[in-house]
Amino acid sequence: MEALVDFVKGHGTENDFVVVPDPDGELDRVLDPPTVRRLTDHYSGLAADGLIRVVRTARVDEVAEQASEAEWFMDYRNADGSFAEMCGNGVRVMARYLFDHGMADDDTLTVATRGGPRTVRAEADGEYTVHMGRATPMGGGEDGAAAVADGDAHVARVTVDIGAGRTWPAVAVAAPNPHAVVFVEDALDGAPTDPDGVSSGASASADAAGRPGHSGADQHGRMDPTSVLARLGMLAEPPTLSPEEIFPEGANVEFVTVAGERHIALRVWERGVGETRSCGTGVCAAAWVAMVRDGAAASTSYVVDVPGGRLRVTRRDDGELLLTGPAVLGVRGSVTI
């Protein structure tokens, strides 16, 4: 049976979503994986990294216990139709939708997610801050954080391989989605790095666009973070993660480089989607690893640059991470599904 449904396109640092209001939970069966894939398709659909169904928490059995804290549930689907625990950019976009449509009373609200309730605050400058919870090392427990601080990037004994002999150790982090965080300077023997942190799999005599004779370094010999990350090439296939049992349901992979003091830049491969312009939980996972590696004090903020813009991650004294960034709503319309 066909149904005509309203939608809004939104994005957070160009991580874009189809937002579908379904307050009474009538569309769950209609929004099956094939329908989600059709709606989010970049060529024949509405072109998005994922779909957000806005539904009352009490109407969804799997999160009904959160209804006392959060009236609204972010039912997030990846572009391939699979479910995700959380989406840091998506929850800001959903909060913006609720604020703009008079579905929240003040400048703070709590949204239910599969990763637990998340509080979002509308800032005076137009950005939004999400209480993202704590990042947790996978496979390493509390000792995992200590091992990261000691410089042991093999804490969960995870390896990321993107082919052509380019292999890195990774830190496995739940935030709450599973992530493998790679610092591109930490190449394994199969992909040695030069002093600028560029994999030897890429020529230092070509710039990010492949033009010869330009290293991408500034006058001080420091590599521009965008150039470093561009040397990864096109991430057209899912990175191989090993051992597989660390990530039984797959993982997002963040490729990170240092951009300055308390400042990192990254590219991300999202499970169920591919490379995206940004990933909120991935930004938090990468910032947390950088903070621990750097021995940063509590209540520290890191700037994180992604292809789609800039975000800020703050670690509170209790270890909770706060993610601050924009949320934009754009095209509105109706679609038959």
Protein backbone atom coordinates (compact mmCIF):
# COMPACT_ATOMS: atom_id res chain seq x y z
CA MET A 1 0.00 0.00 0.00
CA GLU A 2 1.41 3.38 -1.01
CA ALA A 3 1.56 6.29 1.40
CA LEU A 4 2.27 9.98 0.83
CA VAL A 5 4.61 11.24 3.54
CA ASP A 6 6.17 14.60 4.29
CA PHE A 7 9.90 14.99 4.59
CA VAL A 8 12.57 17.61 5.32
CA LYS A 9 16.19 17.43 4.20
CA GLY A 10 18.68 18.43 6.88
CA HIS A 11 22.41 18.23 7.50
CA GLY A 12 25.02 18.69 10.19
CA THR A 13 28.41 19.61 8.69
CA GLU A 14 27.10 18.17 5.41
CA ASN A 15 26.26 14.77 6.90
CA ASP A 16 22.77 14.80 5.38
CA PHE A 17 19.49 13.15 6.28
CA VAL A 18 15.91 12.69 5.19
CA VAL A 19 13.77 13.62 8.21
CA VAL A 20 10.36 11.92 8.19
CA PRO A 21 7.79 12.95 10.83
CA ASP A 22 5.80 9.98 12.13
CA PRO A 23 4.53 11.12 15.54
CA ASP A 24 2.13 8.21 16.09
CA GLY A 25 4.40 5.45 14.76
CA GLU A 26 2.39 4.55 11.68
CA LEU A 27 5.28 4.24 9.19
CA ASP A 28 7.56 1.69 10.82
CA ARG A 29 6.46 -1.20 8.60
CA VAL A 30 6.41 1.00 5.51
CA LEU A 31 9.99 2.18 6.05
CA ASP A 32 11.58 -1.21 5.45
CA PRO A 33 15.24 -1.45 4.30
CA PRO A 34 14.46 -1.43 0.53
CA THR A 35 12.31 1.70 0.97
CA VAL A 36 15.01 3.45 3.01
CA ARG A 37 17.59 2.58 0.36
CA ARG A 38 15.32 3.96 -2.35
CA LEU A 39 14.63 7.19 -0.48
CA THR A 40 18.27 7.90 0.36
CA ASP A 41 19.72 6.90 -3.03
CA HIS A 42 21.95 9.68 -4.39
CA TYR A 43 20.81 9.18 -7.97
CA SER A 44 17.19 8.04 -7.96
CA GLY A 45 16.07 9.13 -4.49
CA LEU A 46 16.36 12.11 -2.18
CA ALA A 47 20.15 11.75 -1.74
CA ALA A 48 21.11 11.34 1.91
CA ASP A 49 23.49 9.52 4.24
CA GLY A 50 20.60 8.31 6.36
CA LEU A 51 16.95 8.62 7.34
CA ILE A 52 15.55 9.92 10.63
CA ARG A 53 12.03 8.94 11.62
CA VAL A 54 10.67 11.36 14.26
CA VAL A 55 8.31 9.31 16.42
CA ARG A 56 6.99 9.48 19.97
CA THR A 57 9.13 7.31 22.20
CA ALA A 58 6.14 5.67 23.86
CA ARG A 59 5.08 4.30 20.46
CA VAL A 60 8.27 2.25 19.99
CA ASP A 61 8.62 -0.84 22.18
CA GLU A 62 12.42 -1.09 21.97
CA VAL A 63 12.90 2.35 23.58
CA ALA A 64 9.63 2.77 25.48
CA GLU A 65 11.53 2.76 28.79
CA GLN A 66 13.08 6.10 27.77
CA ALA A 67 9.66 7.75 27.40
CA SER A 68 9.79 9.27 30.89
CA GLU A 69 12.94 11.19 29.90
CA ALA A 70 12.37 11.83 26.21
CA GLU A 71 9.08 12.39 24.40
CA TRP A 72 10.66 11.90 20.97
CA PHE A 73 12.71 9.02 19.56
CA MET A 74 15.28 9.37 16.79
CA ASP A 75 14.72 6.21 14.76
CA TYR A 76 17.91 6.40 12.71
CA ARG A 77 18.50 4.28 9.61
CA ASN A 78 21.73 4.16 7.59
CA ALA A 79 21.47 4.59 3.83
CA ASP A 80 21.52 0.79 3.36
CA GLY A 81 18.46 0.46 5.60
CA SER A 82 20.32 -0.86 8.66
CA PHE A 83 19.78 0.60 12.13
CA ALA A 84 22.36 2.64 14.04
CA GLU A 85 22.67 3.14 17.78
CA MET A 86 23.15 6.89 17.51
CA CYS A 87 24.04 9.69 15.12
CA GLY A 88 25.69 12.76 16.60
CA ASN A 89 24.99 14.97 13.59
CA GLY A 90 21.52 13.51 13.12
CA VAL A 91 20.41 14.17 16.68
CA ARG A 92 21.28 17.86 16.27
CA VAL A 93 19.27 17.98 13.04
CA MET A 94 16.32 16.25 14.72
CA ALA A 95 16.51 18.67 17.64
CA ARG A 96 16.48 21.59 15.20
CA TYR A 97 13.38 20.07 13.57
CA LEU A 98 11.62 19.73 16.94
CA PHE A 99 12.54 23.28 18.00
CA ASP A 100 11.46 24.79 14.67
CA HIS A 101 8.12 22.96 14.71
CA GLY A 102 7.19 23.91 18.27
CA MET A 103 7.63 20.37 19.56
CA ALA A 104 10.03 21.42 22.35
CA ASP A 105 9.20 23.92 25.09
CA ASP A 106 12.56 25.62 25.72
CA ASP A 107 16.16 25.63 24.51
CA THR A 108 16.96 22.16 25.89
CA LEU A 109 15.38 18.81 25.13
CA THR A 110 16.16 15.12 25.47
CA VAL A 111 15.91 12.75 22.52
CA ALA A 112 15.63 8.97 22.86
CA THR A 113 18.06 6.91 20.76
CA ARG A 114 19.06 3.26 20.54
CA GLY A 115 22.24 4.29 22.37
CA GLY A 116 20.26 5.85 25.22
CA PRO A 117 18.76 9.31 25.85
CA ARG A 118 20.73 12.32 24.57
CA THR A 119 20.20 15.89 25.76
CA VAL A 120 20.52 18.66 23.17
CA ARG A 121 20.88 22.37 23.93
CA ALA A 122 20.29 25.20 21.42
CA GLU A 123 23.15 27.67 21.80
CA ALA A 124 22.82 31.44 21.50
CA ASP A 125 25.05 31.46 18.41
CA GLY A 126 22.73 29.12 16.51
CA GLU A 127 24.73 25.93 17.03
CA TYR A 128 23.62 22.91 19.06
CA THR A 129 25.39 20.96 21.78
CA VAL A 130 24.68 17.27 22.35
CA HIS A 131 25.51 15.36 25.53
CA MET A 132 27.04 12.33 23.82
CA GLY A 133 27.90 10.20 26.85
CA ARG A 134 31.29 8.62 27.49
CA ALA A 135 33.57 7.00 24.96
CA THR A 136 34.55 3.46 25.93
CA PRO A 137 37.57 1.51 24.67
CA MET A 138 36.43 -1.78 23.19
CA GLY A 139 38.27 -4.91 24.26
CA GLY A 140 40.45 -3.00 26.67
CA GLY A 141 38.17 -1.90 29.52
CA GLU A 142 39.55 0.82 31.76
CA ASP A 143 43.04 -0.47 31.05
CA GLY A 144 42.34 0.35 27.41
CA ALA A 145 42.32 4.06 28.15
CA ALA A 146 45.58 3.75 30.04
CA ALA A 147 47.15 1.87 27.15
CA VAL A 148 46.10 4.61 24.73
CA ALA A 149 47.63 7.19 27.07
CA ASP A 150 50.87 5.20 27.06
CA GLY A 151 50.97 5.46 23.28
CA ASP A 152 49.87 1.88 22.65
CA ALA A 153 47.63 2.25 19.58
CA HIS A 154 47.19 -1.55 19.52
CA VAL A 155 45.09 -1.50 22.70
CA ALA A 156 42.32 -3.65 21.20
CA ARG A 157 44.69 -5.29 18.69
CA VAL A 158 42.75 -3.89 15.73
CA THR A 159 44.18 -3.39 12.25
CA VAL A 160 42.68 -1.33 9.41
CA ASP A 161 43.61 -2.15 5.82
CA ILE A 162 42.52 -0.07 2.80
CA GLY A 163 44.48 -2.09 0.26
CA ALA A 164 47.67 -1.47 -1.73
CA GLY A 165 49.73 -2.32 1.35
CA ARG A 166 48.32 0.55 3.40
CA THR A 167 47.69 -0.76 6.90
CA TRP A 168 47.38 0.95 10.25
CA PRO A 169 46.80 0.05 13.89
CA ALA A 170 43.53 1.38 15.23
CA VAL A 171 41.95 2.08 18.60
CA ALA A 172 38.53 0.41 18.96
CA VAL A 173 36.08 2.80 20.62
CA ALA A 174 32.34 2.68 21.36
CA ALA A 175 30.73 6.12 21.31
CA PRO A 176 28.21 4.36 21.43
CA ASN A 177 28.50 3.27 17.78
CA PRO A 178 31.59 1.13 17.18
CA HIS A 179 34.59 2.97 15.73
CA ALA A 180 38.13 2.16 14.63
CA VAL A 181 40.22 5.31 15.06
CA VAL A 182 43.37 5.51 12.94
CA PHE A 183 46.05 8.17 13.20
CA VAL A 184 47.54 8.16 9.72
CA GLU A 185 51.00 8.90 11.12
CA ASP A 186 50.91 5.53 12.93
CA ALA A 187 51.42 3.38 9.83
CA LEU A 188 52.41 -0.25 10.29
CA ASP A 189 55.37 -1.87 8.53
CA GLY A 190 53.24 -2.45 5.43
CA ALA A 191 52.76 1.31 5.00
CA PRO A 192 55.73 3.23 6.42
CA THR A 193 55.35 6.96 6.81
CA ASP A 194 57.82 9.67 5.97
CA PRO A 195 58.64 12.43 8.51
CA ASP A 196 55.64 14.44 7.32
CA GLY A 197 53.28 11.60 8.25
CA VAL A 198 52.43 10.72 4.65
CA SER A 199 52.11 7.08 3.69
CA SER A 200 54.85 5.91 1.37
CA GLY A 201 52.05 4.49 -0.75
CA ALA A 202 51.59 8.05 -2.03
CA SER A 203 54.22 10.12 -3.78
CA ALA A 204 55.48 13.16 -1.88
CA SER A 205 56.08 14.82 -5.23
CA ALA A 206 52.36 15.14 -5.98
CA ASP A 207 49.84 17.37 -4.28
CA ALA A 208 46.32 16.39 -3.14
CA ALA A 209 45.01 16.75 -6.68
CA GLY A 210 47.79 14.62 -8.12
CA ARG A 211 49.79 17.52 -9.60
CA PRO A 212 53.55 16.86 -9.62
CA GLY A 213 56.13 19.06 -7.98
CA HIS A 214 54.20 20.15 -4.87
CA SER A 215 54.47 18.37 -1.54
CA GLY A 216 51.45 20.01 0.13
CA ALA A 217 53.77 21.34 2.90
CA ASP A 218 53.83 24.92 4.15
CA GLN A 219 56.94 27.11 4.31
CA HIS A 220 57.92 25.42 7.58
CA GLY A 221 57.76 21.94 6.07
CA ARG A 222 54.51 21.02 7.87
CA MET A 223 51.96 19.09 5.87
CA ASP A 224 48.53 20.64 5.49
CA PRO A 225 46.00 18.26 7.13
CA THR A 226 43.77 18.30 4.06
CA SER A 227 46.70 17.25 1.89
CA VAL A 228 47.68 14.48 4.30
CA LEU A 229 44.16 13.05 4.32
CA ALA A 230 43.81 13.44 0.56
CA ARG A 231 46.78 11.10 0.13
CA LEU A 232 44.50 8.28 1.28
CA GLY A 233 42.93 8.46 -2.15
CA MET A 234 39.32 7.59 -2.88
CA LEU A 235 37.80 5.39 -0.19
CA ALA A 236 35.58 3.45 -2.56
CA GLU A 237 35.53 0.13 -0.70
CA PRO A 238 34.97 -0.69 2.98
CA PRO A 239 38.22 -0.85 4.94
CA THR A 240 39.09 -4.35 6.15
CA LEU A 241 39.04 -4.65 9.95
CA SER A 242 40.82 -7.42 11.80
CA PRO A 243 40.27 -9.36 13.88
CA GLU A 244 36.63 -9.41 12.79
CA GLU A 245 35.33 -10.49 16.19
CA ILE A 246 36.15 -7.07 17.67
CA PHE A 247 33.45 -5.58 15.43
CA PRO A 248 30.79 -8.27 14.88
CA GLU A 249 28.40 -5.70 13.41
CA GLY A 250 31.02 -3.68 11.55
CA ALA A 251 32.39 -0.27 12.47
CA ASN A 252 32.95 3.26 11.28
CA VAL A 253 36.59 4.04 10.53
CA GLU A 254 38.11 7.46 11.22
CA PHE A 255 41.36 8.46 9.51
CA VAL A 256 42.83 11.21 11.67
CA THR A 257 45.74 13.62 11.44
CA VAL A 258 46.94 16.29 13.86
CA ALA A 259 46.15 19.83 12.67
CA GLY A 260 47.51 21.75 15.65
CA GLU A 261 47.29 22.01 19.42
CA ARG A 262 43.98 20.47 20.52
CA HIS A 263 43.02 20.37 16.86
CA ILE A 264 42.59 17.35 14.59
CA ALA A 265 41.21 16.69 11.12
CA LEU A 266 39.68 13.49 9.79
CA ARG A 267 37.94 11.58 7.04
CA VAL A 268 35.43 8.85 7.87
CA TRP A 269 34.06 5.67 6.36
CA GLU A 270 30.61 4.92 7.80
CA ARG A 271 29.29 1.38 7.92
CA GLY A 272 26.14 1.05 5.86
CA VAL A 273 26.86 4.28 3.98
CA GLY A 274 30.44 4.72 2.70
CA GLU A 275 32.63 7.79 3.02
CA THR A 276 30.63 10.74 4.34
CA ARG A 277 31.37 14.41 4.86
CA SER A 278 31.10 14.08 8.63
CA CYS A 279 30.19 11.67 11.44
CA GLY A 280 29.27 13.01 14.87
CA THR A 281 29.98 9.88 16.90
CA GLY A 282 33.18 9.39 14.88
CA VAL A 283 34.31 12.92 15.66
CA CYS A 284 33.74 12.21 19.36
CA ALA A 285 35.60 8.89 19.20
CA ALA A 286 38.56 10.48 17.40
CA ALA A 287 38.69 13.48 19.73
CA TRP A 288 38.59 11.20 22.77
CA VAL A 289 41.51 9.13 21.49
CA ALA A 290 43.45 12.34 20.73
CA MET A 291 42.75 13.68 24.23
CA VAL A 292 43.93 10.49 25.90
CA ARG A 293 47.03 10.25 23.71
CA ASP A 294 47.87 13.87 24.48
CA GLY A 295 47.28 13.49 28.21
CA ALA A 296 44.78 16.35 28.00
CA ALA A 297 43.17 17.56 31.20
CA ALA A 298 39.47 17.12 31.88
CA SER A 299 37.21 19.92 30.67
CA THR A 300 39.34 20.18 27.54
CA SER A 301 37.91 21.11 24.15
CA TYR A 302 39.26 19.92 20.80
CA VAL A 303 38.43 21.36 17.39
CA VAL A 304 37.73 18.72 14.74
CA ASP A 305 37.73 19.54 11.05
CA VAL A 306 35.79 17.27 8.70
CA PRO A 307 35.23 17.68 4.95
CA GLY A 308 31.82 19.19 5.70
CA GLY A 309 32.90 21.77 8.26
CA ARG A 310 34.05 22.12 11.85
CA LEU A 311 32.85 20.65 15.16
CA ARG A 312 33.96 21.00 18.76
CA VAL A 313 34.24 18.19 21.31
CA THR A 314 34.52 18.95 25.03
CA ARG A 315 35.33 16.36 27.68
CA ARG A 316 33.76 17.16 31.05
CA ASP A 317 35.27 16.28 34.42
CA ASP A 318 33.04 13.19 34.62
CA GLY A 319 34.24 11.95 31.21
CA GLU A 320 31.10 12.79 29.26
CA LEU A 321 31.70 14.19 25.78
CA LEU A 322 29.82 17.22 24.47
CA LEU A 323 29.55 17.69 20.70
CA THR A 324 28.85 21.20 19.39
CA GLY A 325 28.11 22.10 15.79
CA PRO A 326 25.54 23.35 13.29
CA ALA A 327 22.21 21.87 12.25
CA VAL A 328 20.60 23.01 9.02
CA LEU A 329 17.14 22.29 7.57
CA GLY A 330 16.52 22.80 3.87
CA VAL A 331 14.33 21.25 1.19
CA ARG A 332 10.81 20.23 2.23
CA GLY A 333 8.33 18.19 0.31
CA SER A 334 6.24 15.03 0.08
CA VAL A 335 7.13 11.65 -1.38
CA THR A 336 5.14 8.53 -2.16
CA ILE A 337 6.51 5.38 -0.49
